[in-house]
Protein backbone atom coordinates (compact mmCIF):
# COMPACT_ATOMS: atom_id res chain seq x y z
CA MET A 1 -22.89 1.03 7.07
CA MET A 2 -24.86 -2.07 6.81
CA ARG A 3 -22.28 -4.96 6.16
CA ASP A 4 -23.67 -7.52 3.73
CA TRP A 5 -21.04 -10.43 3.87
CA ARG A 6 -22.22 -12.28 0.55
CA GLY A 7 -20.67 -11.90 -2.91
CA LEU A 8 -17.05 -11.18 -4.51
CA TYR A 9 -14.67 -10.07 -2.02
CA ALA A 10 -11.88 -8.74 -4.31
CA ILE A 11 -8.35 -8.65 -3.02
CA THR A 12 -5.59 -6.19 -4.39
CA ASP A 13 -2.13 -7.47 -5.52
CA SER A 14 0.90 -5.29 -6.09
CA ARG A 15 1.77 -7.49 -8.99
CA PHE A 16 -1.39 -6.07 -10.75
CA LYS A 17 -2.21 -2.93 -9.62
CA GLY A 18 -0.27 -0.42 -12.48
CA ASP A 19 -0.14 3.20 -12.15
CA ASP A 20 -3.52 3.66 -10.32
CA ILE A 21 -4.85 0.99 -7.82
CA ALA A 22 -7.85 2.74 -6.85
CA GLN A 23 -9.06 2.86 -10.48
CA GLN A 24 -8.54 -0.80 -10.31
CA VAL A 25 -10.48 -0.72 -7.38
CA LEU A 26 -13.26 1.04 -8.87
CA LYS A 27 -13.36 -1.28 -12.12
CA ALA A 28 -13.91 -4.33 -9.57
CA ILE A 29 -16.60 -2.39 -7.62
CA ARG A 30 -18.39 -1.75 -11.16
CA GLY A 31 -18.42 -5.41 -11.64
CA GLY A 32 -20.25 -5.89 -8.40
CA ALA A 33 -17.31 -6.52 -5.74
CA ARG A 34 -18.88 -5.90 -2.68
CA ILE A 35 -15.83 -6.30 -0.23
CA ILE A 36 -12.42 -5.06 -1.05
CA GLN A 37 -9.21 -6.05 0.81
CA TYR A 38 -5.98 -4.18 0.32
CA ARG A 39 -2.98 -6.36 0.35
CA ASP A 40 0.67 -5.02 0.06
CA LYS A 41 3.43 -7.11 1.17
CA SER A 42 6.10 -4.43 0.63
CA ASP A 43 7.86 -2.36 3.16
CA ASP A 44 7.00 0.69 1.57
CA ALA A 45 4.70 2.46 4.40
CA THR A 46 4.53 5.70 2.21
CA LEU A 47 3.23 4.02 -0.56
CA GLN A 48 0.67 1.80 1.36
CA LEU A 49 -0.78 4.68 3.41
CA LYS A 50 -1.24 6.54 -0.16
CA GLU A 51 -3.01 3.74 -1.86
CA ALA A 52 -4.94 2.57 1.21
CA THR A 53 -6.01 6.11 1.63
CA ALA A 54 -7.48 6.44 -1.80
CA ILE A 55 -9.07 2.83 -1.96
CA ALA A 56 -10.54 3.88 1.26
CA GLU A 57 -12.37 6.81 -0.38
CA VAL A 58 -13.30 4.87 -3.39
CA CYS A 59 -15.24 2.28 -0.98
CA LYS A 60 -16.83 5.03 1.05
CA THR A 61 -18.12 6.49 -2.12
CA ASN A 62 -19.40 3.54 -3.51
CA ASP A 63 -20.89 1.91 0.05
CA VAL A 64 -18.40 -0.92 -0.29
CA ILE A 65 -16.95 -3.05 2.89
CA PHE A 66 -13.01 -1.86 2.98
CA ILE A 67 -10.73 -4.32 4.80
CA VAL A 68 -6.93 -3.90 5.31
CA ASN A 69 -4.81 -7.16 5.19
CA ASP A 70 -2.50 -7.90 8.31
CA ASP A 71 -1.80 -4.19 9.47
CA ILE A 72 -4.08 -2.86 11.96
CA GLU A 73 -2.29 0.72 12.59
CA LEU A 74 -3.04 1.08 8.42
CA ALA A 75 -6.58 0.09 8.93
CA LYS A 76 -6.99 2.64 11.79
CA ALA A 77 -5.24 5.41 10.05
CA VAL A 78 -7.45 5.49 7.05
CA ASN A 79 -10.51 4.49 8.71
CA ALA A 80 -11.21 1.12 7.20
CA ASP A 81 -14.18 -0.76 8.00
CA GLY A 82 -11.44 -3.61 9.24
CA VAL A 83 -8.67 -5.88 9.05
CA HIS A 84 -7.97 -9.43 7.88
CA LEU A 85 -5.72 -11.37 10.18
CA GLY A 86 -3.77 -14.57 9.52
CA HIS A 87 -1.86 -17.21 11.58
CA THR A 88 1.29 -15.22 11.93
CA ASP A 89 -0.49 -11.63 12.23
CA ALA A 90 -1.32 -9.42 15.27
CA SER A 91 -3.85 -11.01 17.79
CA PHE A 92 -7.67 -10.59 17.29
CA GLU A 93 -7.58 -8.94 20.76
CA LYS A 94 -5.04 -6.33 19.56
CA ALA A 95 -7.02 -5.71 16.59
CA ARG A 96 -10.16 -5.38 18.46
CA GLU A 97 -8.78 -3.07 21.25
CA LEU A 98 -7.29 -0.69 18.52
CA LEU A 99 -9.83 -0.37 16.09
CA GLY A 100 -13.09 -0.55 18.54
CA ALA A 101 -15.94 -2.63 18.88
CA ASP A 102 -17.73 -1.87 15.60
CA ALA A 103 -14.86 -2.81 13.35
CA ALA A 104 -15.04 -5.85 11.08
CA ILE A 105 -12.25 -8.49 11.62
CA GLY A 106 -11.87 -11.38 9.36
CA VAL A 107 -9.73 -14.45 10.28
CA SER A 108 -8.12 -16.99 7.93
CA CYS A 109 -8.52 -20.41 8.87
CA TYR A 110 -7.14 -22.65 6.37
CA ALA A 111 -8.62 -25.82 6.84
CA ASP A 112 -9.08 -25.51 10.42
CA ILE A 113 -12.62 -25.54 11.78
CA ASP A 114 -11.57 -25.55 15.23
CA ARG A 115 -9.59 -22.33 14.55
CA ALA A 116 -12.63 -20.79 12.80
CA LYS A 117 -14.82 -22.01 15.93
CA ALA A 118 -12.49 -20.01 18.16
CA ALA A 119 -12.44 -16.82 15.77
CA GLN A 120 -16.41 -17.09 15.93
CA LEU A 121 -16.13 -17.19 19.95
CA SER A 122 -14.06 -14.29 19.68
CA GLY A 123 -16.43 -12.27 17.48
CA ALA A 124 -14.91 -12.65 14.44
CA SER A 125 -17.07 -10.90 11.38
CA TYR A 126 -16.13 -13.83 9.20
CA VAL A 127 -13.94 -16.62 8.83
CA ALA A 128 -11.55 -17.70 5.35
CA PHE A 129 -10.65 -21.09 4.18
CA GLY A 130 -8.65 -22.22 1.58
CA ARG A 131 -6.60 -22.22 -0.97
CA PHE A 132 -8.99 -24.47 -2.91
CA PHE A 133 -7.24 -24.43 -6.19
CA ASN A 134 -3.87 -23.43 -7.49
CA SER A 135 -3.23 -19.99 -6.40
CA ASN A 136 -0.63 -17.75 -7.69
CA THR A 137 -0.71 -15.69 -4.70
CA LYS A 138 0.13 -18.44 -2.45
CA PRO A 139 1.23 -21.27 -4.42
CA ASN A 140 2.67 -23.20 -1.68
CA ALA A 141 -0.45 -23.15 0.71
CA PRO A 142 -1.94 -26.36 1.60
CA ALA A 143 -4.62 -27.47 -0.62
CA VAL A 144 -8.49 -27.51 1.01
CA SER A 145 -11.17 -29.74 0.09
CA LEU A 146 -14.67 -28.74 -0.34
CA ASP A 147 -15.69 -31.08 2.36
CA VAL A 148 -14.08 -28.47 4.70
CA LEU A 149 -16.22 -25.90 3.39
CA ALA A 150 -19.55 -27.72 3.67
CA GLU A 151 -18.73 -28.74 7.24
CA ALA A 152 -17.73 -25.14 8.34
CA LYS A 153 -21.16 -24.05 7.29
CA LYS A 154 -22.62 -26.80 9.33
CA GLN A 155 -20.83 -25.87 12.41
CA LEU A 156 -20.60 -22.09 12.25
CA THR A 157 -22.99 -19.21 12.23
CA VAL A 158 -20.39 -16.27 11.22
CA PRO A 159 -20.20 -15.93 7.47
CA VAL A 160 -17.52 -17.93 5.27
CA VAL A 161 -15.25 -17.24 2.47
CA ALA A 162 -13.60 -19.44 -0.01
CA ILE A 163 -10.13 -18.12 -1.31
CA GLY A 164 -7.48 -19.51 -3.46
CA GLY A 165 -7.06 -19.82 -7.02
CA ILE A 166 -10.99 -18.67 -7.68
CA THR A 167 -12.24 -18.00 -11.24
CA GLN A 168 -15.53 -17.78 -12.84
CA ASP A 169 -14.79 -21.31 -14.24
CA ASN A 170 -14.46 -22.97 -10.87
CA GLY A 171 -16.56 -20.53 -8.02
CA ALA A 172 -19.72 -22.41 -8.50
CA PRO A 173 -19.05 -25.50 -6.40
CA LEU A 174 -17.89 -23.46 -3.82
CA ILE A 175 -20.96 -21.14 -3.46
CA LYS A 176 -22.58 -24.63 -3.63
CA SER A 177 -20.61 -25.97 -0.69
CA GLY A 178 -21.49 -23.16 1.37
CA ALA A 179 -19.34 -20.26 0.77
CA ASP A 180 -20.99 -16.95 1.39
CA MET A 181 -18.04 -15.01 -0.22
CA LEU A 182 -15.50 -15.76 -2.76
CA ALA A 183 -12.16 -13.94 -2.09
CA VAL A 184 -10.37 -13.48 -5.51
CA VAL A 185 -6.95 -11.79 -6.57
CA ASN A 186 -5.54 -13.07 -9.68
CA GLY A 187 -9.06 -13.79 -10.92
CA VAL A 188 -9.96 -10.26 -10.87
CA PHE A 189 -7.02 -7.70 -10.81
CA GLY A 190 -4.94 -10.31 -13.12
CA ALA A 191 -7.66 -10.07 -15.85
CA PRO A 192 -7.36 -8.05 -18.88
CA ASP A 193 -10.80 -6.62 -17.89
CA ILE A 194 -11.32 -6.52 -14.38
CA THR A 195 -14.98 -5.33 -14.74
CA LEU A 196 -16.02 -8.08 -16.74
CA ALA A 197 -13.94 -10.66 -14.62
CA ALA A 198 -15.77 -9.26 -11.42
CA GLN A 199 -19.01 -9.47 -13.20
CA SER A 200 -18.57 -12.86 -14.24
CA ILE A 201 -17.71 -14.07 -10.50
CA CYS A 202 -20.62 -12.04 -9.30
CA ASN A 203 -23.24 -13.78 -11.56
CA LEU A 204 -22.15 -16.95 -10.17
CA PHE A 205 -24.47 -16.05 -7.01
CA ASP A 206 -27.08 -15.41 -8.87
CA ALA A 207 -26.90 -18.62 -10.89
């Protein structure tokens, strides 16, 4: 599958998944999401395998990139396109070794452009910066300014993700500053109408 790292990057959250997380993901895809990340911070490995397997099938059927947060073994087990790593997660090298040369590996860089440069040098598929706005998912994460995003686009060649409290109302300046993707949790899966929320954010890229 050709990976087009642009557009809405929708991230699941166990707070919003209801009875059928795969159906919620499908709604986001119908709204235009091009990348889906499965994020579950519980210790229920059985549930995670079940949910990730279902989401992987939905993404494959709809030709959408599927990324697993943190868990390299889970990503491999469900044949995901790749994994996303934060600073406390497994190493980039371990992810590459286990998932193979073609796997997509994204790296959280917060406000650290040097970390992003190192990730790019290692072969990262994309780098993520944030939080840019108040976030329900990570309320204590340090805030990042738009200047970091603009500087990252000047210094990097890999695609750049913006994350943190993003909605249809505040996403446009991030795209203008250089974000190739908007990573959204609550603004999609916490919305009353997931498909409509996804569409509204996707429309920002066409504005």
